[in-house]
Amino acid sequence: MEETATKSRSLSIPFAIIIAGALIAGAVFIEKTPAAPSSNTAAAGETQNQEITLRPVSSADHLYGNPAADIIIVEYSDLECPFCKVFHQTLTQLMNDYGKSGKLAWVYRHFPLTELHSKALTEAEASECAAEIGGNDAFWKFVNRIFAVTPSNNGLDLAELPRIAASIGLNQQAFESCLASGKYQAKIKADYDDAYTAGARGTPYSVILAGGQKIPVDGAQPYSVVKAVIENILAEKNGPAGQQAVPTLIP
């Protein structure tokens, strides 16, 4: 009982930080969602006491970092969402800080809000074609480049997609053939459905997995907010007298 109470007290700190961070973190909400907030400010942490169900992380995912990391952040993102563009930089910085030591891994899943960004689905398909041709590294290079060049909010000229593919060393003809086929629409739909089941109602939406914990992160929370959550989890994992517990990474 005492261990459970201690865990509850320790987790109250990051949740409080996430909720406070919601005041300055934006998210684009799905317009058709019933009772969605009228503003674009995420109610971060509001699902913390609800059961979060998401697809287990597997080799089929686009994972950056150590698959056996202490903490895995599963992000649901839209390549034309301006807040996703900001949060992509945040997660990149966190991976630089924690990924190199194997403590943190990042999983990217698609959540294109086509009601708002009609080009987002095509861009998501393009990233899957990049992965097909060049593997996981090519997927991440492609996504990084998309976020680097898009003005967001449907601002990217789709004619740039083959050029981006070529710029990261992919065969442009093979890429264009793959993209024209539409073969990855079902995979992206599966990611979309998984996001909704996990509690996503806007982008970006993430779930932090550590041990048996599933911590929701709504919106483009600042670096300091997510870092505080990570530090709290790592401190809890080390436990008293530096003893380390073995986490169950995949729920």
Protein backbone atom coordinates (compact mmCIF):
# COMPACT_ATOMS: atom_id res chain seq x y z
CA MET A 1 0.00 0.00 0.00
CA GLU A 2 2.77 2.42 0.89
CA GLU A 3 4.54 1.79 -2.42
CA THR A 4 1.33 2.61 -4.30
CA ALA A 5 0.84 5.78 -2.30
CA THR A 6 4.42 6.83 -2.95
CA LYS A 7 4.00 6.29 -6.69
CA SER A 8 0.81 8.32 -6.66
CA ARG A 9 2.53 11.20 -4.90
CA SER A 10 5.51 11.16 -7.26
CA LEU A 11 3.32 11.12 -10.36
CA SER A 12 1.22 14.03 -9.15
CA ILE A 13 4.13 16.35 -9.87
CA PRO A 14 4.43 15.74 -13.64
CA PHE A 15 0.67 15.70 -14.07
CA ALA A 16 0.43 19.07 -12.35
CA ILE A 17 3.16 20.38 -14.64
CA ILE A 18 1.41 19.06 -17.75
CA ILE A 19 -1.89 20.63 -16.75
CA ALA A 20 -0.20 23.96 -16.07
CA GLY A 21 1.64 23.71 -19.37
CA ALA A 22 -1.66 23.39 -21.20
CA LEU A 23 -2.20 27.08 -20.72
CA ILE A 24 0.52 27.81 -23.26
CA ALA A 25 0.50 24.67 -25.44
CA GLY A 26 -1.68 24.65 -28.52
CA ALA A 27 -3.36 21.78 -30.31
CA VAL A 28 -5.61 21.50 -33.33
CA PHE A 29 -8.79 19.67 -32.35
CA ILE A 30 -10.86 17.45 -34.59
CA GLU A 31 -13.79 19.57 -35.62
CA LYS A 32 -16.30 16.68 -35.66
CA THR A 33 -15.50 15.57 -32.10
CA PRO A 34 -18.53 16.04 -29.81
CA ALA A 35 -18.05 18.56 -27.02
CA ALA A 36 -14.62 19.60 -28.30
CA PRO A 37 -13.23 22.77 -26.70
CA SER A 38 -14.00 25.92 -28.64
CA SER A 39 -10.41 27.19 -28.31
CA ASN A 40 -7.26 25.58 -29.66
CA THR A 41 -5.77 25.13 -26.19
CA ALA A 42 -5.35 21.50 -25.13
CA ALA A 43 -6.74 20.27 -21.84
CA ALA A 44 -3.52 18.42 -21.12
CA GLY A 45 -3.63 15.57 -18.67
CA GLU A 46 -7.41 15.46 -18.60
CA THR A 47 -7.41 11.71 -19.36
CA GLN A 48 -4.90 10.88 -16.66
CA ASN A 49 -7.44 8.99 -14.53
CA GLN A 50 -8.97 7.15 -17.47
CA GLU A 51 -7.79 3.92 -19.01
CA ILE A 52 -5.61 4.60 -22.05
CA THR A 53 -5.67 1.90 -24.70
CA LEU A 54 -3.22 1.96 -27.57
CA ARG A 55 -1.65 -0.54 -29.92
CA PRO A 56 1.47 -2.14 -28.42
CA VAL A 57 4.74 -0.81 -29.79
CA SER A 58 6.21 -3.32 -32.23
CA SER A 59 8.74 -3.71 -35.03
CA ALA A 60 6.06 -2.41 -37.40
CA ASP A 61 6.30 1.03 -35.78
CA HIS A 62 8.59 3.86 -36.81
CA LEU A 63 10.80 3.95 -33.73
CA TYR A 64 13.75 6.27 -33.18
CA GLY A 65 16.15 5.20 -30.46
CA ASN A 66 16.51 2.14 -28.29
CA PRO A 67 13.49 -0.23 -28.44
CA ALA A 68 14.30 -1.29 -24.85
CA ALA A 69 14.46 2.30 -23.57
CA ASP A 70 13.22 3.07 -20.06
CA ILE A 71 10.66 5.48 -21.54
CA ILE A 72 8.90 5.42 -24.90
CA ILE A 73 6.96 8.41 -26.19
CA VAL A 74 4.30 7.44 -28.71
CA GLU A 75 3.39 10.55 -30.68
CA TYR A 76 0.33 10.93 -32.91
CA SER A 77 1.05 13.69 -35.39
CA ASP A 78 -0.14 15.56 -38.49
CA LEU A 79 2.57 16.73 -40.89
CA GLU A 80 0.69 19.95 -41.68
CA CYS A 81 -0.12 20.85 -38.07
CA PRO A 82 1.85 23.92 -36.91
CA PHE A 83 1.87 22.73 -33.29
CA CYS A 84 3.22 19.35 -34.42
CA LYS A 85 6.03 21.19 -36.19
CA VAL A 86 6.95 22.87 -32.90
CA PHE A 87 6.61 19.68 -30.85
CA HIS A 88 8.76 17.79 -33.35
CA GLN A 89 11.62 20.09 -32.40
CA THR A 90 10.90 19.49 -28.71
CA LEU A 91 11.03 15.72 -29.08
CA THR A 92 14.18 15.98 -31.20
CA GLN A 93 15.86 17.90 -28.39
CA LEU A 94 14.68 15.37 -25.81
CA MET A 95 16.08 12.53 -27.91
CA ASN A 96 19.40 14.35 -28.05
CA ASP A 97 19.36 14.59 -24.26
CA TYR A 98 18.01 11.14 -23.33
CA GLY A 99 18.00 8.99 -26.46
CA LYS A 100 21.77 8.73 -26.83
CA SER A 101 22.02 7.01 -23.45
CA GLY A 102 19.19 4.62 -24.32
CA LYS A 103 16.76 6.04 -21.77
CA LEU A 104 14.23 7.42 -24.25
CA ALA A 105 12.73 6.24 -27.54
CA TRP A 106 10.26 7.96 -29.84
CA VAL A 107 7.51 6.30 -31.85
CA TYR A 108 5.79 8.28 -34.61
CA ARG A 109 2.21 7.41 -35.59
CA HIS A 110 0.04 9.19 -38.13
CA PHE A 111 -2.98 11.28 -37.14
CA PRO A 112 -3.73 13.45 -40.20
CA LEU A 113 -6.65 15.78 -39.54
CA THR A 114 -7.90 15.94 -43.10
CA GLU A 115 -10.84 18.15 -42.13
CA LEU A 116 -8.26 20.86 -41.51
CA HIS A 117 -5.26 19.77 -43.59
CA SER A 118 -6.26 18.10 -46.84
CA LYS A 119 -2.60 17.53 -47.81
CA ALA A 120 -1.66 15.77 -44.58
CA LEU A 121 -2.83 12.32 -45.72
CA THR A 122 -0.75 12.46 -48.90
CA GLU A 123 2.29 13.58 -46.91
CA ALA A 124 1.77 10.72 -44.45
CA GLU A 125 1.60 8.27 -47.38
CA ALA A 126 4.78 9.81 -48.76
CA SER A 127 6.61 9.18 -45.50
CA GLU A 128 5.55 5.52 -45.65
CA CYS A 129 6.86 5.29 -49.21
CA ALA A 130 10.15 6.74 -47.99
CA ALA A 131 10.27 3.99 -45.36
CA GLU A 132 9.48 1.30 -47.94
CA ILE A 133 12.32 2.41 -50.20
CA GLY A 134 14.94 3.50 -47.67
CA GLY A 135 13.99 1.88 -44.38
CA ASN A 136 13.40 3.39 -40.95
CA ASP A 137 16.24 5.92 -41.27
CA ALA A 138 14.71 7.25 -44.49
CA PHE A 139 11.34 7.60 -42.78
CA TRP A 140 12.79 9.82 -40.07
CA LYS A 141 14.85 11.85 -42.53
CA PHE A 142 11.76 12.41 -44.65
CA VAL A 143 9.58 13.47 -41.73
CA ASN A 144 12.33 15.75 -40.40
CA ARG A 145 12.60 17.39 -43.81
CA ILE A 146 8.83 17.83 -44.16
CA PHE A 147 8.64 19.64 -40.83
CA ALA A 148 11.69 21.72 -41.74
CA VAL A 149 10.25 23.04 -45.01
CA THR A 150 6.46 23.12 -44.62
CA PRO A 151 4.86 26.43 -43.62
CA SER A 152 2.15 24.20 -42.05
CA ASN A 153 -1.62 24.54 -42.41
CA ASN A 154 -1.59 23.01 -45.91
CA GLY A 155 1.20 25.32 -47.02
CA LEU A 156 3.50 22.71 -48.59
CA ASP A 157 3.36 22.26 -52.36
CA LEU A 158 2.87 18.50 -52.84
CA ALA A 159 5.14 18.70 -55.89
CA GLU A 160 7.96 19.03 -53.38
CA LEU A 161 7.47 15.50 -52.04
CA PRO A 162 9.43 13.69 -54.80
CA ARG A 163 12.16 16.32 -54.54
CA ILE A 164 12.41 15.76 -50.80
CA ALA A 165 12.64 12.03 -51.43
CA ALA A 166 15.47 12.55 -53.90
CA SER A 167 17.24 14.93 -51.51
CA ILE A 168 17.54 12.18 -48.89
CA GLY A 169 18.89 9.69 -51.43
CA LEU A 170 15.76 7.83 -52.49
CA ASN A 171 14.97 6.72 -56.03
CA GLN A 172 12.52 9.38 -57.19
CA GLN A 173 10.78 7.20 -59.78
CA ALA A 174 10.19 4.41 -57.26
CA PHE A 175 8.93 6.96 -54.76
CA GLU A 176 6.45 8.49 -57.20
CA SER A 177 5.17 5.05 -58.18
CA CYS A 178 4.65 4.10 -54.55
CA LEU A 179 2.86 7.34 -53.74
CA ALA A 180 0.54 7.02 -56.75
CA SER A 181 -0.49 3.52 -55.66
CA GLY A 182 -2.23 4.64 -52.45
CA LYS A 183 -1.06 1.41 -50.84
CA TYR A 184 -0.48 2.95 -47.40
CA GLN A 185 -3.87 4.54 -46.82
CA ALA A 186 -5.04 1.55 -44.77
CA LYS A 187 -1.96 1.70 -42.55
CA ILE A 188 -2.46 5.39 -41.91
CA LYS A 189 -6.14 4.79 -41.15
CA ALA A 190 -5.08 2.15 -38.59
CA ASP A 191 -2.81 4.72 -36.92
CA TYR A 192 -5.63 7.26 -36.95
CA ASP A 193 -8.03 4.83 -35.31
CA ASP A 194 -5.41 3.89 -32.73
CA ALA A 195 -4.91 7.57 -31.90
CA TYR A 196 -8.60 8.09 -31.33
CA THR A 197 -8.85 4.98 -29.13
CA ALA A 198 -5.86 6.23 -27.12
CA GLY A 199 -7.68 9.48 -26.37
CA ALA A 200 -6.41 11.80 -29.08
CA ARG A 201 -8.84 14.54 -30.07
CA GLY A 202 -6.28 16.87 -31.61
CA THR A 203 -2.66 17.10 -32.63
CA PRO A 204 -0.08 16.62 -31.41
CA TYR A 205 -1.11 13.99 -28.88
CA SER A 206 1.35 11.69 -27.14
CA VAL A 207 1.38 8.90 -24.60
CA ILE A 208 4.44 8.35 -22.42
CA LEU A 209 5.01 4.67 -21.66
CA ALA A 210 7.18 3.70 -18.70
CA GLY A 211 6.74 0.56 -16.67
CA GLY A 212 3.02 0.13 -16.29
CA GLN A 213 2.39 3.85 -16.62
CA LYS A 214 0.63 5.50 -19.56
CA ILE A 215 0.81 9.26 -19.26
CA PRO A 216 -1.10 11.37 -21.82
CA VAL A 217 0.45 14.56 -23.15
CA ASP A 218 -1.97 16.84 -24.97
CA GLY A 219 -0.71 19.55 -27.27
CA ALA A 220 2.73 20.94 -28.01
CA GLN A 221 3.92 20.99 -24.42
CA PRO A 222 7.17 22.94 -23.90
CA TYR A 223 10.49 21.15 -23.57
CA SER A 224 10.69 21.96 -19.85
CA VAL A 225 7.31 20.34 -19.18
CA VAL A 226 8.07 17.03 -20.89
CA LYS A 227 11.61 16.98 -19.47
CA ALA A 228 10.18 17.31 -15.94
CA VAL A 229 7.94 14.29 -16.54
CA ILE A 230 10.87 12.25 -17.87
CA GLU A 231 13.09 13.21 -14.95
CA ASN A 232 10.36 12.26 -12.49
CA ILE A 233 9.90 8.84 -14.10
CA LEU A 234 13.64 8.16 -14.13
CA ALA A 235 13.95 9.21 -10.49
CA GLU A 236 11.08 6.90 -9.57
CA LYS A 237 12.64 4.05 -11.54
CA ASN A 238 15.91 4.38 -9.64
CA GLY A 239 13.98 4.22 -6.38
CA PRO A 240 15.41 4.46 -2.87
CA ALA A 241 19.11 3.77 -2.50
CA GLY A 242 19.47 3.77 -6.28
CA GLN A 243 17.74 0.41 -6.76
CA GLN A 244 16.37 0.03 -10.27
CA ALA A 245 13.08 -1.60 -11.10
CA VAL A 246 12.68 -3.44 -14.39
CA PRO A 247 9.88 -1.70 -16.33
CA THR A 248 7.33 -3.37 -18.54
CA LEU A 249 7.79 -1.18 -21.59
CA ILE A 250 5.05 -2.55 -23.80
CA PRO A 251 1.59 -2.50 -22.14
